[in-house]
Amino acid sequence: MKHNVLQNIQKIAVLRAIALGDFIIALPALSALRKAYSHTQIYLLCRPWVQELGKGRNLPFDHVVPVPVSRGVYDEPGLKENEQELQQFFKKQQQQKYDIAIQLHGGGQNSNVFVNKLNAKVSVGMRTPDAPLLKKWIPYSLYQHEIFRYLEVVSLIGAEPVTVVPEIPVIEQDIKAAAQILSKTENDLIILHPGASDSRRTWPPEKFAELGDRLAMQGYTIVLTGTHPEQSIVDQVENSMKHKPINICGKTNFNSLIGLMHQAKVVISNDTGPLHLARAIGTPTVGVYWFPNMIHWSPITRKQNETAISWLQRCEICHEPLFDIHSQIPLNEIEVCGHMKSYVDMIPVDDVYQKTESILSAH
């Protein structure tokens, strides 16, 4: 069913306060909104770092509104929800008098409560059967690609797709920042990103190291990236390699990381935010995936994006099933048996190497 664009809309609030990959996956839906509501101010309610990422870039929203820590909406390890801060936040947002408030955030148990507190004229989003109602909504069904899920949400108010591929422009500041990380021009860069926020999605460091050595033997410069919490796993890769890589873990910001990725021949990564970032700027990628996550996070285009897939269905320690096809709980929120052993460690180095070679030979 085709829906009409709503008339006389001045302000739209969009809630998307999750991690980097989640933000990037929502960009096609934001682009659809931008085109359908070209004269409307779009306010993105998100995590604070979006201000840094978006600075100087033409992204499909007008204002960044950092969201305070809020249970089930913006959870941050080590930080607690502050009721007074939340009350002040909602008071200020209610003063904006949003015409539409959209949650691109999940099943709605917490996010629909959050969006409804904005007091917009029209609320839009998703809901599971036990989530609060919105004025316009689609049922939340777990197994759906996230890009198409959010495009379906914004279609409820007449926003039609303009792209299905997330795009982030590379700007001059990125190139300059990258040059400061690598003081001299390095040829034929390949970036390895061996970390992830969930250990179950990490390919073993020794396999990243073996892959890095095989590529280094062909003359490629291997660069290791990661955040400060991923330092130990990145150091393991470096220490296991026979050919010395360039370890810049914890040394990049968004500008320098994007600039380096733009320079790279290929980015090889676990299923995590920097993998989606590389794709969004147009750099070829090889992603390491557990197969159910392919449903949600796989690349839409395959011309320059390969995937190495683990088909593991039972825990290798206790042999319990690792997922429930009837569940509506996102897989990254489930600890099925309590064992956090990698779900992707059995993927052979040869598999990732051959897919990398395929990318390199095509470019």
Protein backbone atom coordinates (compact mmCIF):
# COMPACT_ATOMS: atom_id res chain seq x y z
CA MET A 1 0.00 0.00 0.00
CA LYS A 2 1.39 3.38 -1.04
CA HIS A 3 1.22 6.17 1.54
CA ASN A 4 1.10 9.89 0.84
CA VAL A 5 3.61 12.47 1.99
CA LEU A 6 2.14 14.42 4.91
CA GLN A 7 1.52 18.11 4.33
CA ASN A 8 2.63 21.20 6.29
CA ILE A 9 5.44 19.37 8.05
CA GLN A 10 8.05 21.68 9.57
CA LYS A 11 10.07 19.41 11.87
CA ILE A 12 10.78 15.68 11.96
CA ALA A 13 12.61 13.92 14.80
CA VAL A 14 14.29 10.58 14.05
CA LEU A 15 15.52 8.38 16.92
CA ARG A 16 18.58 6.29 16.06
CA ALA A 17 20.89 6.24 19.08
CA ILE A 18 22.76 3.00 18.54
CA ALA A 19 26.28 2.11 17.36
CA LEU A 20 28.24 3.12 14.24
CA GLY A 21 27.08 0.28 11.98
CA ASP A 22 23.47 0.82 13.07
CA PHE A 23 23.71 4.52 12.21
CA ILE A 24 25.15 3.80 8.76
CA ILE A 25 22.50 1.19 7.95
CA ALA A 26 19.78 3.79 8.57
CA LEU A 27 21.16 6.29 6.03
CA PRO A 28 19.04 5.09 3.07
CA ALA A 29 15.88 5.65 5.14
CA LEU A 30 17.12 9.13 6.09
CA SER A 31 17.85 9.85 2.42
CA ALA A 32 14.30 8.85 1.53
CA LEU A 33 12.99 11.22 4.20
CA ARG A 34 15.24 14.01 2.95
CA LYS A 35 13.84 13.76 -0.58
CA ALA A 36 10.19 13.40 0.45
CA TYR A 37 10.41 16.24 2.97
CA SER A 38 12.96 18.47 1.26
CA HIS A 39 11.80 21.67 2.99
CA THR A 40 11.51 20.08 6.44
CA GLN A 41 14.07 20.28 9.24
CA ILE A 42 15.20 16.76 10.18
CA TYR A 43 16.52 16.31 13.72
CA LEU A 44 18.54 13.12 14.31
CA LEU A 45 18.33 11.98 17.95
CA CYS A 46 21.49 9.94 18.28
CA ARG A 47 24.73 9.27 20.14
CA PRO A 48 27.09 12.22 20.67
CA TRP A 49 29.81 10.98 18.29
CA VAL A 50 27.54 11.56 15.27
CA GLN A 51 28.43 15.26 15.62
CA GLU A 52 32.07 14.41 14.93
CA LEU A 53 31.33 12.04 12.06
CA GLY A 54 28.87 14.40 10.39
CA LYS A 55 30.98 17.58 10.61
CA GLY A 56 31.62 18.95 7.11
CA ARG A 57 29.66 16.19 5.38
CA ASN A 58 26.44 16.44 3.43
CA LEU A 59 24.38 13.86 5.29
CA PRO A 60 20.56 13.57 5.06
CA PHE A 61 19.63 15.42 8.26
CA ASP A 62 19.89 18.99 9.48
CA HIS A 63 20.47 18.78 13.22
CA VAL A 64 22.23 16.36 15.56
CA VAL A 65 20.55 15.99 18.96
CA PRO A 66 22.68 13.93 21.40
CA VAL A 67 20.51 11.61 23.47
CA PRO A 68 21.29 11.13 27.17
CA VAL A 69 21.79 7.65 28.57
CA SER A 70 18.39 5.99 28.60
CA ARG A 71 17.69 2.36 29.42
CA GLY A 72 17.00 0.32 26.31
CA VAL A 73 17.57 3.30 24.02
CA TYR A 74 21.10 4.49 24.72
CA ASP A 75 22.91 2.13 27.06
CA GLU A 76 26.53 2.95 27.82
CA PRO A 77 28.75 0.68 29.97
CA GLY A 78 29.74 2.45 33.17
CA LEU A 79 27.09 5.16 32.84
CA LYS A 80 23.72 5.22 34.60
CA GLU A 81 20.45 6.77 33.56
CA ASN A 82 19.92 10.19 35.13
CA GLU A 83 16.22 10.86 35.59
CA GLN A 84 16.65 14.61 35.98
CA GLU A 85 18.75 14.81 32.82
CA LEU A 86 16.14 12.81 30.91
CA GLN A 87 13.32 15.06 32.14
CA GLN A 88 15.21 18.13 30.99
CA PHE A 89 15.91 16.49 27.64
CA PHE A 90 12.24 15.68 27.00
CA LYS A 91 11.12 19.13 28.14
CA LYS A 92 13.47 20.74 25.64
CA GLN A 93 12.46 18.40 22.83
CA GLN A 94 8.77 18.92 23.49
CA GLN A 95 9.38 22.64 23.02
CA GLN A 96 10.53 21.88 19.47
CA LYS A 97 6.92 20.91 18.66
CA TYR A 98 7.86 18.13 16.24
CA ASP A 99 5.26 17.32 13.60
CA ILE A 100 6.56 13.75 13.19
CA ALA A 101 8.68 11.57 15.48
CA ILE A 102 10.12 8.37 14.00
CA GLN A 103 11.83 5.53 15.80
CA LEU A 104 14.30 3.55 13.69
CA HIS A 105 15.36 1.71 16.78
CA GLY A 106 13.83 -1.75 17.10
CA GLY A 107 10.80 -3.50 18.50
CA GLY A 108 9.65 -0.52 20.54
CA GLN A 109 9.41 -1.70 24.14
CA ASN A 110 11.66 1.16 25.22
CA SER A 111 12.02 3.25 22.07
CA ASN A 112 8.27 3.73 21.57
CA VAL A 113 7.99 5.04 25.11
CA PHE A 114 10.85 7.40 24.33
CA VAL A 115 9.35 8.61 21.03
CA ASN A 116 5.90 9.10 22.53
CA LYS A 117 7.42 11.39 25.17
CA LEU A 118 8.45 13.79 22.39
CA ASN A 119 4.74 14.66 22.01
CA ALA A 120 4.89 14.86 18.20
CA LYS A 121 1.66 15.14 16.23
CA VAL A 122 2.43 11.85 14.44
CA SER A 123 4.52 8.97 15.80
CA VAL A 124 5.99 6.40 13.41
CA GLY A 125 8.01 3.23 13.84
CA MET A 126 7.91 -0.47 14.65
CA ARG A 127 6.43 -2.53 17.43
CA THR A 128 6.34 -6.03 18.80
CA PRO A 129 2.95 -7.14 20.20
CA ASP A 130 3.91 -6.03 23.72
CA ALA A 131 5.29 -2.60 22.76
CA PRO A 132 3.43 0.72 23.14
CA LEU A 133 1.35 1.86 20.19
CA LEU A 134 2.39 4.49 17.69
CA LYS A 135 0.11 6.32 15.28
CA LYS A 136 1.71 4.64 12.25
CA TRP A 137 3.68 1.45 12.62
CA ILE A 138 4.79 -1.83 11.07
CA PRO A 139 5.17 -5.11 12.98
CA TYR A 140 8.72 -5.75 14.12
CA SER A 141 9.83 -9.11 12.72
CA LEU A 142 13.39 -10.04 13.62
CA TYR A 143 14.58 -11.65 10.40
CA GLN A 144 14.62 -8.76 7.92
CA HIS A 145 17.50 -6.80 6.43
CA GLU A 146 17.85 -3.63 8.49
CA ILE A 147 18.10 -1.32 5.47
CA PHE A 148 14.75 -2.49 4.12
CA ARG A 149 13.19 -2.48 7.58
CA TYR A 150 13.80 1.24 8.00
CA LEU A 151 12.84 2.05 4.42
CA GLU A 152 9.54 0.33 5.13
CA VAL A 153 9.06 2.46 8.24
CA VAL A 154 9.58 5.80 6.47
CA SER A 155 7.33 4.64 3.62
CA LEU A 156 4.46 4.92 6.11
CA ILE A 157 4.68 8.68 5.64
CA GLY A 158 5.25 8.60 1.88
CA ALA A 159 9.06 8.56 1.77
CA GLU A 160 10.11 6.40 -1.18
CA PRO A 161 13.62 4.93 -1.58
CA VAL A 162 16.22 6.93 -3.45
CA THR A 163 19.00 4.41 -2.71
CA VAL A 164 19.44 1.14 -0.84
CA VAL A 165 23.18 1.62 -0.35
CA PRO A 166 24.41 3.72 2.60
CA GLU A 167 26.70 6.52 1.45
CA ILE A 168 29.08 8.76 3.41
CA PRO A 169 31.09 11.36 1.46
CA VAL A 170 34.87 11.56 1.81
CA ILE A 171 36.00 15.12 2.49
CA GLU A 172 39.34 16.95 2.35
CA GLN A 173 39.76 16.80 6.12
CA ASP A 174 39.76 12.99 5.90
CA ILE A 175 42.67 12.96 3.45
CA LYS A 176 44.67 15.43 5.55
CA ALA A 177 44.02 13.54 8.79
CA ALA A 178 45.08 10.24 7.21
CA ALA A 179 48.34 11.80 6.03
CA GLN A 180 49.13 12.73 9.63
CA ILE A 181 48.70 9.11 10.75
CA LEU A 182 50.92 7.72 7.99
CA SER A 183 53.62 10.37 7.67
CA LYS A 184 54.84 9.06 4.33
CA THR A 185 52.74 7.77 1.47
CA GLU A 186 52.35 4.02 1.77
CA ASN A 187 51.43 2.14 -1.37
CA ASP A 188 48.85 -0.62 -1.67
CA LEU A 189 47.32 -0.43 1.79
CA ILE A 190 45.16 -3.27 3.10
CA ILE A 191 43.34 -2.61 6.37
CA LEU A 192 42.61 -5.42 8.83
CA HIS A 193 40.07 -4.68 11.57
CA PRO A 194 40.17 -7.70 13.95
CA GLY A 195 37.96 -6.39 16.77
CA ALA A 196 34.21 -6.20 17.40
CA SER A 197 31.98 -5.27 20.31
CA ASP A 198 30.81 -8.90 20.64
CA SER A 199 33.49 -11.59 20.96
CA ARG A 200 31.18 -14.08 19.23
CA ARG A 201 31.64 -12.11 16.00
CA THR A 202 35.45 -12.05 16.08
CA TRP A 203 37.64 -14.13 13.78
CA PRO A 204 40.73 -15.36 15.70
CA PRO A 205 43.74 -12.99 15.87
CA GLU A 206 46.08 -15.73 14.64
CA LYS A 207 43.98 -16.11 11.48
CA PHE A 208 44.03 -12.37 10.85
CA ALA A 209 47.82 -12.58 11.34
CA GLU A 210 48.22 -15.44 8.87
CA LEU A 211 46.08 -13.61 6.34
CA GLY A 212 48.08 -10.42 6.88
CA ASP A 213 51.38 -12.25 6.31
CA ARG A 214 50.14 -13.84 3.08
CA LEU A 215 49.08 -10.44 1.76
CA ALA A 216 52.28 -8.75 2.95
CA MET A 217 54.31 -11.31 1.01
CA GLN A 218 52.63 -9.97 -2.12
CA GLY A 219 53.90 -6.47 -1.39
CA TYR A 220 50.85 -4.99 0.35
CA THR A 221 51.23 -2.73 3.38
CA ILE A 222 49.12 -4.14 6.21
CA VAL A 223 47.45 -1.63 8.53
CA LEU A 224 45.73 -2.76 11.75
CA THR A 225 42.87 -0.62 13.07
CA GLY A 226 40.75 -0.74 16.20
CA THR A 227 39.42 1.21 19.15
CA HIS A 228 41.08 1.45 22.57
CA PRO A 229 39.03 -1.46 24.02
CA GLU A 230 40.24 -3.60 21.09
CA GLN A 231 43.93 -2.88 21.73
CA SER A 232 44.77 -6.33 23.10
CA ILE A 233 43.29 -8.24 20.18
CA VAL A 234 44.97 -5.92 17.66
CA ASP A 235 48.29 -6.34 19.46
CA GLN A 236 47.86 -10.11 19.28
CA VAL A 237 47.55 -9.86 15.51
CA GLU A 238 50.66 -7.67 15.29
CA ASN A 239 52.71 -9.93 17.55
CA SER A 240 51.67 -13.04 15.59
CA MET A 241 52.69 -11.62 12.22
CA LYS A 242 56.10 -12.33 10.69
CA HIS A 243 55.86 -9.25 8.47
CA LYS A 244 55.62 -6.09 10.58
CA PRO A 245 52.24 -4.37 10.10
CA ILE A 246 51.39 -0.74 10.90
CA ASN A 247 49.38 -0.82 14.12
CA ILE A 248 47.27 2.33 14.51
CA CYS A 249 44.76 0.93 16.99
CA GLY A 250 43.35 3.74 19.13
CA LYS A 251 45.16 6.41 17.09
CA THR A 252 42.42 7.35 14.65
CA ASN A 253 39.37 9.58 14.73
CA PHE A 254 36.59 9.49 12.14
CA ASN A 255 38.46 11.77 9.74
CA SER A 256 41.71 9.80 9.75
CA LEU A 257 39.99 6.41 9.68
CA ILE A 258 37.85 7.39 6.70
CA GLY A 259 40.88 8.88 4.94
CA LEU A 260 42.89 5.70 5.42
CA MET A 261 40.00 3.50 4.33
CA HIS A 262 39.57 5.65 1.24
CA GLN A 263 43.24 5.02 0.44
CA ALA A 264 43.05 1.25 1.06
CA LYS A 265 42.73 -1.38 -1.63
CA VAL A 266 40.40 -3.38 0.62
CA VAL A 267 39.19 -3.48 4.23
CA ILE A 268 38.95 -6.92 5.84
CA SER A 269 36.90 -6.93 9.02
CA ASN A 270 34.60 -8.73 11.38
CA ASP A 271 30.91 -7.79 11.16
CA THR A 272 31.21 -4.47 12.99
CA GLY A 273 30.90 -0.71 12.48
CA PRO A 274 34.12 0.01 10.54
CA LEU A 275 33.15 -2.63 7.97
CA HIS A 276 29.95 -0.70 7.23
CA LEU A 277 31.89 2.56 7.24
CA ALA A 278 34.29 1.27 4.59
CA ARG A 279 31.41 0.22 2.37
CA ALA A 280 29.65 3.55 2.85
CA ILE A 281 32.66 5.47 1.51
CA GLY A 282 33.00 3.07 -1.45
CA THR A 283 36.05 1.05 -0.38
CA PRO A 284 36.00 -2.67 -1.28
CA THR A 285 35.47 -4.99 1.69
CA VAL A 286 35.67 -8.59 2.82
CA GLY A 287 33.42 -9.18 5.84
CA VAL A 288 33.52 -12.10 8.29
CA TYR A 289 29.95 -13.12 9.23
CA TRP A 290 27.96 -15.58 11.26
CA PHE A 291 25.16 -16.64 8.93
CA PRO A 292 22.05 -15.31 10.80
CA ASN A 293 23.66 -11.86 10.89
CA MET A 294 23.87 -11.95 7.09
CA ILE A 295 20.10 -11.52 7.07
CA HIS A 296 20.41 -8.18 8.88
CA TRP A 297 23.78 -6.73 7.95
CA SER A 298 25.04 -8.18 4.66
CA PRO A 299 26.20 -5.86 1.86
CA ILE A 300 23.46 -4.91 -0.57
CA THR A 301 25.83 -4.82 -3.54
CA ARG A 302 28.42 -7.51 -4.23
CA LYS A 303 30.53 -6.02 -7.04
CA GLN A 304 33.22 -5.01 -4.55
CA ASN A 305 31.99 -6.56 -1.30
CA GLU A 306 32.70 -10.18 -0.42
CA THR A 307 31.60 -12.18 2.63
CA ALA A 308 33.14 -15.16 4.41
CA ILE A 309 30.37 -16.98 6.27
CA SER A 310 30.28 -19.29 9.28
CA TRP A 311 27.36 -21.74 9.25
CA LEU A 312 27.76 -22.76 12.90
CA GLN A 313 24.40 -23.71 14.43
CA ARG A 314 25.33 -25.18 17.82
CA CYS A 315 27.70 -24.07 20.55
CA GLU A 316 31.01 -25.88 20.12
CA ILE A 317 31.34 -26.26 23.90
CA CYS A 318 27.89 -27.45 25.07
CA HIS A 319 26.23 -28.14 21.69
CA GLU A 320 23.14 -26.08 22.55
CA PRO A 321 21.38 -24.40 19.56
CA LEU A 322 22.72 -20.89 19.07
CA PHE A 323 19.51 -19.25 17.91
CA ASP A 324 15.75 -19.64 17.94
CA ILE A 325 14.04 -19.05 14.59
CA HIS A 326 10.89 -17.96 16.46
CA SER A 327 12.62 -15.41 18.69
CA GLN A 328 12.08 -11.67 18.28
CA ILE A 329 15.13 -10.79 20.39
CA PRO A 330 18.09 -9.45 18.34
CA LEU A 331 20.87 -11.98 18.19
CA ASN A 332 23.42 -9.62 19.73
CA GLU A 333 21.27 -9.44 22.87
CA ILE A 334 21.07 -13.21 23.39
CA GLU A 335 23.45 -15.27 25.49
CA VAL A 336 21.95 -18.62 24.57
CA CYS A 337 24.12 -20.86 26.72
CA GLY A 338 26.45 -18.40 28.40
CA HIS A 339 29.48 -19.43 26.35
CA MET A 340 30.92 -16.45 24.46
CA LYS A 341 33.20 -18.46 22.18
CA SER A 342 33.54 -17.12 18.65
CA TYR A 343 30.85 -18.25 16.21
CA VAL A 344 33.12 -17.55 13.22
CA ASP A 345 36.47 -19.02 14.24
CA MET A 346 36.11 -22.05 11.98
CA ILE A 347 36.16 -19.95 8.79
CA PRO A 348 39.40 -20.99 7.02
CA VAL A 349 42.08 -18.44 6.21
CA ASP A 350 42.01 -19.75 2.63
CA ASP A 351 38.35 -18.71 2.33
CA VAL A 352 39.02 -15.10 3.38
CA TYR A 353 42.24 -14.98 1.35
CA GLN A 354 40.55 -16.18 -1.84
CA LYS A 355 37.75 -13.65 -1.44
CA THR A 356 40.33 -10.92 -0.87
CA GLU A 357 42.21 -12.00 -4.00
CA SER A 358 38.95 -11.86 -5.94
CA ILE A 359 38.41 -8.25 -4.81
CA LEU A 360 42.00 -7.23 -5.54
CA SER A 361 42.04 -8.77 -9.01
CA ALA A 362 38.82 -6.96 -9.91
CA HIS A 363 40.18 -3.58 -8.84
